[in-house]
Amino acid sequence: MVKIESVFPDSPAAKCGIKAGEELISINGSEINDVLDYKFHCAAKKLVIKLSGRTVKVKKQEYDDLGLGFCSYLMDKKQRCRNNCVFCFIDQLPDGMRDTLYFKDDDSRLSFLQGNYITMTNLTQQDVDRIIKMKLPMNISVHTTNPELRVKMTGNRFAGECLDYLYKMAAAGIELNTQIVLVPGMNDGKELERTLTDICMLYPAVKSIACVPVGITKFRDKLPKLCIYDKQGASDAIDIMQQFGDMMYEKYHDRVVYPSDEFFLTAQRPLPNYEYYGDFDQFENGVGMCASMLKEFTDALADKRENNETDNIRRRVTIATGVLAAPLMQTLVKLMKADFPNTEVQIKIIRNEFFGETITVAGLITAGDMIAQLSPFKDTLGERLLITKNMLRSDGDIFLDDKTLSDVEKALGVPVVPNENDGYSLLDAILGTNTI
């Protein structure tokens, strides 16, 4: 039973007289407890809706929204993570940041609706049955298929048992994208070989396996000591992943196993080409972003040439990025020089003083670090400062340290333009052919 907070005007629900304040009990005889129940059961053309005190019949187009609003997106509270993972990034945040950054969710509904990864320790057999019934694709954080090691890594005594849910969902044909956070000396090497062997056997239900390296901040004083990957360690891990990826590609013409871009950059090994990544199933996990950016940027340059849009306009812009992405940005700038010789782009590498210099990805750069490190160059930044949109909160213009785009612009005296992870957008932002 869920309280209806609002009814959208002209919606099927409004036309049938459903009112805000009523309580939704069931649709077509199925109890409604959260957003998954609601979305699944109201997809039909004909609905029998049981409310507190009455029943309403609704006719609509299949899959059209019924038009009801609830107290929250999920219709109840997010499920909080029950783990104490040794590598958890949230546990490595400093005090004093906004409260929402400290909330750890482990919610299967958000896995389906927003692509979040879950460890399955919050799941019950009833949850798994519903996932199978509704045929909901899931994103699973596996980390290891060694039950004892999984208990140790997650700090949850049920984490090993929960692996059974992975196998049950795969057996039922549920589409699964999986990830492994690799910790040097813990779940790499032989343990990684074991994990990849087990997960690859679940193909084609398991669509992809992304391996990402652990991130370590300077705020680990009271946490277990962990190491980050060095050049050799990253290269060794890539060799294992490539072995399994090559095996899957030879057998199924589907690579399945992918190292994140960070592994290749840390190992200082050439990045794979665009075709290597197939459907880019793990793009948001940092898998294939560099290859995608490079292809899109070169394609965008080709389009400019074909359309005779190259010019000699003199421009000067600055790109602020992290240590890892800087070589790629420098490559892109060199590529555009032939077509836009009078467009000057300088790359400014921002060291992560806020979290510690072991954090080298651009998405975790704070406004404070950017202001401090670019202030000496404020008179030479040019017409605009370009940053990746990943530095900002997804629903606004706020950096991780709670400073805003406006704060950076005022401090540096230059417009700051957040850019999508897209080569076309980047070229337009450099050339000024987009809008601020």
Protein backbone atom coordinates (compact mmCIF):
# COMPACT_ATOMS: atom_id res chain seq x y z
CA MET A 1 0.00 0.00 0.00
CA VAL A 2 1.46 3.34 -1.13
CA LYS A 3 0.05 6.83 -0.66
CA ILE A 4 -0.59 8.78 -3.88
CA GLU A 5 0.95 12.25 -3.53
CA SER A 6 -0.21 13.70 -6.87
CA VAL A 7 -2.08 12.92 -10.06
CA PHE A 8 -0.78 14.38 -13.32
CA PRO A 9 -3.32 16.48 -15.27
CA ASP A 10 -4.90 14.79 -18.32
CA SER A 11 -3.28 11.44 -17.41
CA PRO A 12 -5.24 8.16 -17.53
CA ALA A 13 -5.42 8.25 -13.73
CA ALA A 14 -6.83 11.79 -13.70
CA LYS A 15 -9.44 10.96 -16.34
CA CYS A 16 -10.65 8.08 -14.17
CA GLY A 17 -11.00 10.27 -11.11
CA ILE A 18 -8.10 9.01 -9.00
CA LYS A 19 -7.23 11.64 -6.37
CA ALA A 20 -4.11 12.65 -4.48
CA GLY A 21 -4.24 11.35 -0.92
CA GLU A 22 -5.75 7.99 -1.85
CA GLU A 23 -3.73 4.85 -1.20
CA LEU A 24 -2.78 2.48 -4.01
CA ILE A 25 -3.14 -1.14 -2.92
CA SER A 26 -2.94 -3.28 -6.06
CA ILE A 27 -3.04 -3.28 -9.86
CA ASN A 28 -4.67 -6.22 -11.64
CA GLY A 29 -4.58 -8.16 -8.37
CA SER A 30 -0.85 -7.66 -7.74
CA GLU A 31 0.19 -5.81 -4.60
CA ILE A 32 2.09 -2.54 -5.18
CA ASN A 33 4.92 -1.81 -2.77
CA ASP A 34 7.45 0.15 -4.79
CA VAL A 35 8.33 1.61 -8.17
CA LEU A 36 9.18 -1.74 -9.79
CA ASP A 37 5.77 -3.20 -8.89
CA TYR A 38 4.11 -0.01 -10.14
CA LYS A 39 5.94 0.22 -13.49
CA PHE A 40 5.63 -3.49 -14.25
CA HIS A 41 1.96 -3.89 -13.45
CA CYS A 42 0.68 -0.61 -14.92
CA ALA A 43 2.19 -1.34 -18.35
CA ALA A 44 -0.94 -3.19 -19.52
CA LYS A 45 -3.74 -1.59 -21.56
CA LYS A 46 -6.50 -2.49 -19.12
CA LEU A 47 -6.00 -1.98 -15.40
CA VAL A 48 -8.11 -2.81 -12.38
CA ILE A 49 -6.78 -0.51 -9.66
CA LYS A 50 -7.64 -1.20 -6.06
CA LEU A 51 -7.50 1.90 -3.89
CA SER A 52 -8.26 2.30 -0.22
CA GLY A 53 -12.05 2.10 -0.19
CA ARG A 54 -12.80 1.61 -3.89
CA THR A 55 -11.77 0.02 -7.19
CA VAL A 56 -11.18 1.88 -10.46
CA LYS A 57 -10.89 0.51 -14.00
CA VAL A 58 -8.52 2.24 -16.42
CA LYS A 59 -8.01 1.87 -20.18
CA LYS A 60 -4.89 3.34 -21.79
CA GLN A 61 -2.22 2.67 -24.41
CA GLU A 62 0.16 -0.15 -23.54
CA TYR A 63 3.21 1.11 -21.59
CA ASP A 64 1.75 4.62 -21.23
CA ASP A 65 2.34 6.06 -17.77
CA LEU A 66 -0.66 5.88 -15.48
CA GLY A 67 0.06 9.37 -14.18
CA LEU A 68 0.50 8.95 -10.44
CA GLY A 69 3.12 10.73 -8.32
CA PHE A 70 4.50 9.40 -5.05
CA CYS A 71 6.54 10.69 -2.12
CA SER A 72 9.80 9.60 -3.74
CA TYR A 73 11.10 8.18 -7.00
CA LEU A 74 11.30 4.67 -5.54
CA MET A 75 7.99 5.12 -3.64
CA ASP A 76 9.89 4.23 -0.46
CA LYS A 77 13.41 4.63 0.98
CA LYS A 78 16.61 3.64 -0.79
CA GLN A 79 18.18 0.45 0.50
CA ARG A 80 21.37 1.26 2.37
CA CYS A 81 24.45 -0.87 1.75
CA ARG A 82 25.05 -3.46 4.48
CA ASN A 83 28.69 -4.05 3.57
CA ASN A 84 31.94 -2.76 4.94
CA CYS A 85 34.07 -3.18 1.82
CA VAL A 86 37.80 -2.80 2.38
CA PHE A 87 38.02 -0.68 -0.80
CA CYS A 88 34.88 1.44 -0.38
CA PHE A 89 35.53 4.93 -1.75
CA ILE A 90 32.85 6.54 0.41
CA ASP A 91 34.65 5.38 3.56
CA GLN A 92 37.66 7.34 2.28
CA LEU A 93 35.90 10.69 2.07
CA PRO A 94 36.94 13.47 4.45
CA ASP A 95 34.52 14.87 7.02
CA GLY A 96 32.46 17.94 6.26
CA MET A 97 31.18 17.13 2.77
CA ARG A 98 27.47 17.20 1.92
CA ASP A 99 25.43 14.42 3.52
CA THR A 100 24.31 12.82 0.25
CA LEU A 101 27.92 11.88 -0.60
CA TYR A 102 28.14 9.61 2.44
CA PHE A 103 25.04 7.55 1.61
CA LYS A 104 25.90 4.09 0.29
CA ASP A 105 23.05 2.49 -1.64
CA ASP A 106 22.84 -1.16 -2.61
CA ASP A 107 19.41 -1.19 -4.21
CA SER A 108 18.37 -3.60 -6.96
CA ARG A 109 15.70 -1.15 -8.13
CA LEU A 110 18.34 1.49 -8.81
CA SER A 111 20.37 -1.13 -10.62
CA PHE A 112 17.55 -1.55 -13.12
CA LEU A 113 16.38 2.06 -13.23
CA GLN A 114 19.69 3.96 -13.11
CA GLY A 115 22.42 1.42 -13.80
CA ASN A 116 23.80 1.30 -10.23
CA TYR A 117 25.82 -1.75 -9.23
CA ILE A 118 24.69 -4.00 -6.39
CA THR A 119 26.54 -6.63 -4.35
CA MET A 120 23.36 -8.73 -3.84
CA THR A 121 23.76 -8.74 -0.03
CA ASN A 122 20.49 -6.82 0.26
CA LEU A 123 18.59 -9.30 -1.90
CA THR A 124 16.16 -11.91 -0.63
CA GLN A 125 14.92 -14.91 -2.55
CA GLN A 126 11.67 -13.00 -3.04
CA ASP A 127 13.62 -10.14 -4.64
CA VAL A 128 15.40 -12.55 -6.98
CA ASP A 129 12.11 -14.18 -7.92
CA ARG A 130 10.68 -10.76 -8.79
CA ILE A 131 13.74 -9.85 -10.88
CA ILE A 132 13.32 -13.10 -12.80
CA LYS A 133 9.56 -12.66 -13.20
CA MET A 134 9.95 -9.11 -14.48
CA LYS A 135 13.04 -10.00 -16.55
CA LEU A 136 14.93 -7.03 -15.14
CA PRO A 137 18.55 -6.58 -16.31
CA MET A 138 20.93 -6.17 -13.38
CA ASN A 139 24.38 -4.68 -12.76
CA ILE A 140 26.29 -6.80 -10.25
CA SER A 141 29.46 -6.03 -8.29
CA VAL A 142 31.05 -9.46 -8.09
CA HIS A 143 34.67 -8.65 -7.10
CA THR A 144 35.43 -12.34 -6.57
CA THR A 145 33.66 -15.69 -6.87
CA ASN A 146 35.68 -17.11 -3.98
CA PRO A 147 33.04 -17.10 -1.21
CA GLU A 148 35.50 -16.74 1.66
CA LEU A 149 37.40 -13.94 -0.06
CA ARG A 150 34.16 -12.16 -0.94
CA VAL A 151 33.18 -12.20 2.74
CA LYS A 152 36.56 -10.73 3.62
CA MET A 153 36.45 -8.04 0.92
CA THR A 154 32.88 -6.90 1.63
CA GLY A 155 32.93 -7.30 5.39
CA ASN A 156 29.58 -9.10 5.16
CA ARG A 157 29.25 -12.70 6.33
CA PHE A 158 26.47 -13.35 3.81
CA ALA A 159 28.43 -12.10 0.78
CA GLY A 160 29.62 -15.57 -0.20
CA GLU A 161 26.17 -17.13 0.00
CA CYS A 162 24.75 -14.32 -2.16
CA LEU A 163 26.77 -15.56 -5.12
CA ASP A 164 24.03 -18.17 -5.55
CA TYR A 165 21.72 -15.35 -6.64
CA LEU A 166 24.09 -14.51 -9.48
CA TYR A 167 23.95 -18.08 -10.77
CA LYS A 168 20.15 -18.26 -10.39
CA MET A 169 19.61 -15.04 -12.31
CA ALA A 170 22.00 -16.16 -15.05
CA ALA A 171 20.26 -19.54 -15.30
CA ALA A 172 16.95 -17.72 -15.75
CA GLY A 173 18.42 -15.67 -18.62
CA ILE A 174 18.53 -12.34 -16.81
CA GLU A 175 20.88 -9.96 -18.63
CA LEU A 176 23.80 -9.18 -16.33
CA ASN A 177 26.61 -6.64 -16.52
CA THR A 178 29.23 -7.30 -13.88
CA GLN A 179 32.16 -5.44 -12.39
CA ILE A 180 35.25 -6.40 -10.43
CA VAL A 181 37.08 -3.83 -8.33
CA LEU A 182 40.63 -5.16 -8.31
CA VAL A 183 42.81 -4.73 -5.23
CA PRO A 184 46.51 -5.56 -5.67
CA GLY A 185 47.47 -8.76 -3.89
CA MET A 186 43.89 -9.52 -2.86
CA ASN A 187 41.60 -10.51 -5.75
CA ASP A 188 43.95 -10.24 -8.73
CA GLY A 189 46.40 -12.85 -10.05
CA LYS A 190 45.13 -16.41 -9.54
CA GLU A 191 42.00 -15.15 -7.79
CA LEU A 192 41.14 -13.03 -10.82
CA GLU A 193 41.64 -16.05 -13.07
CA ARG A 194 39.23 -18.03 -10.90
CA THR A 195 36.64 -15.24 -10.93
CA LEU A 196 36.80 -14.70 -14.68
CA THR A 197 36.57 -18.45 -15.28
CA ASP A 198 33.40 -18.65 -13.18
CA ILE A 199 31.71 -15.58 -14.63
CA CYS A 200 32.59 -16.33 -18.25
CA MET A 201 30.81 -19.67 -17.85
CA LEU A 202 27.59 -17.68 -17.34
CA TYR A 203 27.72 -16.22 -20.87
CA PRO A 204 25.50 -15.15 -22.63
CA ALA A 205 23.49 -14.10 -19.56
CA VAL A 206 26.57 -12.22 -18.41
CA LYS A 207 26.92 -9.61 -21.11
CA SER A 208 30.09 -7.92 -19.89
CA ILE A 209 32.72 -7.96 -17.16
CA ALA A 210 34.49 -4.70 -16.33
CA CYS A 211 37.64 -4.75 -14.23
CA VAL A 212 38.47 -1.44 -12.54
CA PRO A 213 41.37 -0.65 -10.19
CA VAL A 214 40.81 0.28 -6.57
CA GLY A 215 40.92 4.00 -5.80
CA ILE A 216 42.85 5.08 -2.72
CA THR A 217 42.54 8.53 -1.14
CA LYS A 218 44.71 10.04 1.58
CA PHE A 219 41.93 9.57 4.14
CA ARG A 220 42.56 5.92 5.09
CA ASP A 221 44.07 6.41 8.55
CA LYS A 222 41.66 4.03 10.29
CA LEU A 223 41.10 1.69 7.34
CA PRO A 224 42.99 -1.41 6.16
CA LYS A 225 46.20 -0.62 4.31
CA LEU A 226 45.80 -1.09 0.56
CA CYS A 227 48.08 -0.41 -2.38
CA ILE A 228 47.29 1.08 -5.77
CA TYR A 229 48.39 -0.42 -9.06
CA ASP A 230 51.81 0.54 -10.37
CA LYS A 231 52.86 0.20 -14.01
CA GLN A 232 53.92 -3.46 -13.76
CA GLY A 233 50.96 -4.53 -11.62
CA ALA A 234 48.51 -2.92 -14.00
CA SER A 235 50.21 -4.58 -16.97
CA ASP A 236 50.08 -8.01 -15.30
CA ALA A 237 46.35 -7.56 -14.58
CA ILE A 238 45.71 -6.54 -18.19
CA ASP A 239 47.46 -9.69 -19.42
CA ILE A 240 45.02 -11.87 -17.47
CA MET A 241 41.99 -9.91 -18.67
CA GLN A 242 43.19 -9.98 -22.26
CA GLN A 243 43.70 -13.74 -22.09
CA PHE A 244 40.07 -14.26 -21.09
CA GLY A 245 38.78 -11.59 -23.47
CA ASP A 246 40.64 -13.19 -26.37
CA MET A 247 39.27 -16.60 -25.41
CA MET A 248 35.68 -15.32 -25.33
CA TYR A 249 36.12 -13.46 -28.61
CA GLU A 250 37.53 -16.53 -30.33
CA LYS A 251 34.66 -18.67 -29.07
CA TYR A 252 31.72 -16.26 -29.27
CA HIS A 253 32.95 -13.23 -31.26
CA ASP A 254 32.21 -11.23 -28.13
CA ARG A 255 35.07 -10.02 -25.95
CA VAL A 256 32.97 -9.80 -22.72
CA VAL A 257 36.00 -9.09 -20.46
CA TYR A 258 37.27 -5.51 -20.44
CA PRO A 259 39.96 -3.69 -18.45
CA SER A 260 38.99 -0.11 -17.64
CA ASP A 261 40.88 2.66 -19.43
CA GLU A 262 42.66 3.42 -16.16
CA PHE A 263 44.49 0.10 -16.33
CA PHE A 264 45.89 0.82 -19.79
CA LEU A 265 46.89 4.36 -18.84
CA THR A 266 48.56 3.24 -15.61
CA ALA A 267 50.41 0.46 -17.44
CA GLN A 268 51.39 2.95 -20.16
CA ARG A 269 50.17 0.49 -22.76
CA PRO A 270 48.48 1.48 -26.04
CA LEU A 271 44.75 1.90 -25.74
CA PRO A 272 42.65 -0.55 -27.78
CA ASN A 273 40.87 0.75 -30.85
CA TYR A 274 37.19 1.62 -31.03
CA GLU A 275 36.10 -1.78 -32.40
CA TYR A 276 37.62 -3.59 -29.41
CA TYR A 277 34.79 -2.42 -27.14
CA GLY A 278 31.84 -3.83 -29.07
CA ASP A 279 28.63 -2.25 -27.79
CA PHE A 280 30.42 -0.25 -25.05
CA ASP A 281 28.33 -1.95 -22.38
CA GLN A 282 30.58 -0.64 -19.61
CA PHE A 283 31.14 2.91 -20.85
CA GLU A 284 29.95 4.52 -17.61
CA ASN A 285 32.45 2.34 -15.75
CA GLY A 286 35.33 4.00 -17.57
CA VAL A 287 35.66 1.23 -20.15
CA GLY A 288 36.28 2.53 -23.67
CA MET A 289 35.84 6.23 -22.92
CA CYS A 290 39.25 7.09 -24.38
CA ALA A 291 38.73 5.06 -27.56
CA SER A 292 35.28 6.58 -28.02
CA MET A 293 36.57 10.11 -27.47
CA LEU A 294 39.42 9.62 -29.94
CA LYS A 295 37.18 8.22 -32.69
CA GLU A 296 34.50 10.86 -32.23
CA PHE A 297 37.07 13.66 -32.23
CA THR A 298 38.76 12.42 -35.42
CA ASP A 299 35.34 11.91 -37.05
CA ALA A 300 34.33 15.43 -36.04
CA LEU A 301 37.52 16.82 -37.61
CA ALA A 302 36.78 14.88 -40.80
CA ASP A 303 33.27 16.35 -40.89
CA LYS A 304 34.70 19.86 -40.56
CA ARG A 305 37.05 19.24 -43.47
CA GLU A 306 34.32 17.73 -45.63
CA ASN A 307 32.03 20.70 -44.97
CA ASN A 308 34.86 23.22 -45.49
CA GLU A 309 34.43 24.46 -41.94
CA THR A 310 38.11 24.75 -41.15
CA ASP A 311 39.25 28.32 -40.63
CA ASN A 312 42.06 30.55 -39.45
CA ILE A 313 40.23 32.20 -36.57
CA ARG A 314 42.58 32.88 -33.71
CA ARG A 315 41.35 31.34 -30.49
CA ARG A 316 42.89 30.42 -27.17
CA VAL A 317 41.25 28.00 -24.74
CA THR A 318 42.37 25.86 -21.83
CA ILE A 319 41.40 22.31 -20.92
CA ALA A 320 41.71 21.37 -17.24
CA THR A 321 41.99 17.62 -16.73
CA GLY A 322 43.47 14.95 -14.49
CA VAL A 323 46.81 13.22 -14.69
CA LEU A 324 45.48 10.11 -16.43
CA ALA A 325 43.49 11.84 -19.18
CA ALA A 326 46.15 14.44 -20.01
CA PRO A 327 48.02 12.35 -22.64
CA LEU A 328 44.77 11.72 -24.54
CA MET A 329 43.87 15.41 -24.46
CA GLN A 330 47.34 16.30 -25.76
CA THR A 331 46.91 13.80 -28.62
CA LEU A 332 43.57 15.32 -29.60
CA VAL A 333 45.00 18.82 -29.62
CA LYS A 334 47.84 17.71 -31.92
CA LEU A 335 45.31 16.14 -34.29
CA MET A 336 43.35 19.36 -34.72
CA LYS A 337 46.39 21.57 -35.34
CA ALA A 338 46.53 20.76 -39.08
CA ASP A 339 42.97 21.96 -39.61
CA PHE A 340 42.93 24.80 -37.08
CA PRO A 341 46.49 26.09 -36.90
CA ASN A 342 45.52 29.35 -35.19
CA THR A 343 43.45 27.74 -32.46
CA GLU A 344 45.65 27.38 -29.41
CA VAL A 345 44.69 24.87 -26.75
CA GLN A 346 46.70 24.46 -23.59
CA ILE A 347 46.29 21.45 -21.35
CA LYS A 348 46.50 22.11 -17.62
CA ILE A 349 46.94 19.03 -15.46
CA ILE A 350 45.25 19.36 -12.07
CA ARG A 351 46.84 17.37 -9.25
CA ASN A 352 44.32 16.04 -6.76
CA GLU A 353 45.36 17.69 -3.50
CA PHE A 354 41.88 17.27 -2.05
CA PHE A 355 41.77 13.44 -2.13
CA GLY A 356 45.50 12.88 -2.55
CA GLU A 357 47.69 12.53 -5.61
CA THR A 358 46.94 8.80 -5.89
CA ILE A 359 43.57 9.90 -7.32
CA THR A 360 44.35 10.77 -10.93
CA VAL A 361 40.99 10.65 -12.75
CA ALA A 362 39.49 13.90 -14.00
CA GLY A 363 36.03 13.20 -12.58
CA LEU A 364 37.25 13.58 -8.97
CA ILE A 365 38.90 16.98 -9.40
CA THR A 366 37.49 19.62 -7.07
CA ALA A 367 36.86 23.30 -7.71
CA GLY A 368 39.27 24.22 -4.91
CA ASP A 369 42.17 22.36 -6.51
CA MET A 370 41.35 23.88 -9.88
CA ILE A 371 41.23 27.42 -8.52
CA ALA A 372 44.45 27.02 -6.52
CA GLN A 373 46.44 25.53 -9.38
CA LEU A 374 45.11 27.72 -12.20
CA SER A 375 45.08 31.07 -10.40
CA PRO A 376 48.74 31.80 -11.30
CA PHE A 377 47.75 31.40 -14.97
CA LYS A 378 44.41 33.22 -14.87
CA ASP A 379 45.56 35.85 -17.35
CA THR A 380 46.56 33.25 -19.94
CA LEU A 381 43.61 30.85 -19.80
CA GLY A 382 42.05 32.32 -22.92
CA GLU A 383 38.43 32.63 -23.90
CA ARG A 384 37.09 29.66 -21.97
CA LEU A 385 38.12 26.90 -19.58
CA LEU A 386 36.88 23.43 -20.56
CA ILE A 387 36.27 20.70 -18.00
CA THR A 388 34.62 17.30 -18.09
CA LYS A 389 31.02 17.24 -16.92
CA ASN A 390 31.98 14.27 -14.71
CA MET A 391 33.47 16.75 -12.22
CA LEU A 392 29.98 18.00 -11.42
CA ARG A 393 27.03 16.51 -9.60
CA SER A 394 24.75 14.87 -12.14
CA ASP A 395 21.79 17.15 -11.41
CA GLY A 396 23.56 20.50 -11.04
CA ASP A 397 26.69 22.63 -11.27
CA ILE A 398 28.27 21.66 -7.93
CA PHE A 399 31.72 20.11 -7.53
CA LEU A 400 32.57 17.51 -4.89
CA ASP A 401 33.83 20.20 -2.51
CA ASP A 402 30.45 22.04 -2.77
CA LYS A 403 31.85 24.91 -4.81
CA THR A 404 29.98 25.85 -7.98
CA LEU A 405 30.85 26.67 -11.57
CA SER A 406 30.16 30.28 -10.70
CA ASP A 407 32.76 30.13 -7.90
CA VAL A 408 35.41 28.93 -10.36
CA GLU A 409 34.46 31.51 -12.97
CA LYS A 410 34.66 34.36 -10.46
CA ALA A 411 38.01 33.17 -9.10
CA LEU A 412 39.64 32.64 -12.51
CA GLY A 413 37.85 35.31 -14.52
CA VAL A 414 36.97 33.02 -17.41
CA PRO A 415 33.81 31.17 -18.52
CA VAL A 416 33.93 27.50 -17.49
CA VAL A 417 32.34 25.10 -19.97
CA PRO A 418 31.49 21.55 -18.77
CA ASN A 419 31.78 19.09 -21.61
CA GLU A 420 30.23 15.67 -22.19
CA ASN A 421 32.51 12.66 -22.74
CA ASP A 422 32.02 13.14 -26.45
CA GLY A 423 34.56 14.05 -29.12
CA TYR A 424 32.11 16.06 -31.22
CA SER A 425 31.12 18.18 -28.22
CA LEU A 426 34.74 18.68 -27.24
CA LEU A 427 35.73 19.97 -30.68
CA ASP A 428 32.74 22.33 -30.75
CA ALA A 429 33.63 23.58 -27.28
CA ILE A 430 37.22 24.25 -28.33
CA LEU A 431 36.17 26.05 -31.51
CA GLY A 432 33.36 27.99 -29.85
CA THR A 433 30.72 26.55 -32.14
CA ASN A 434 28.65 25.42 -29.19
CA THR A 435 26.80 27.72 -26.79
CA ILE A 436 27.83 28.48 -23.20
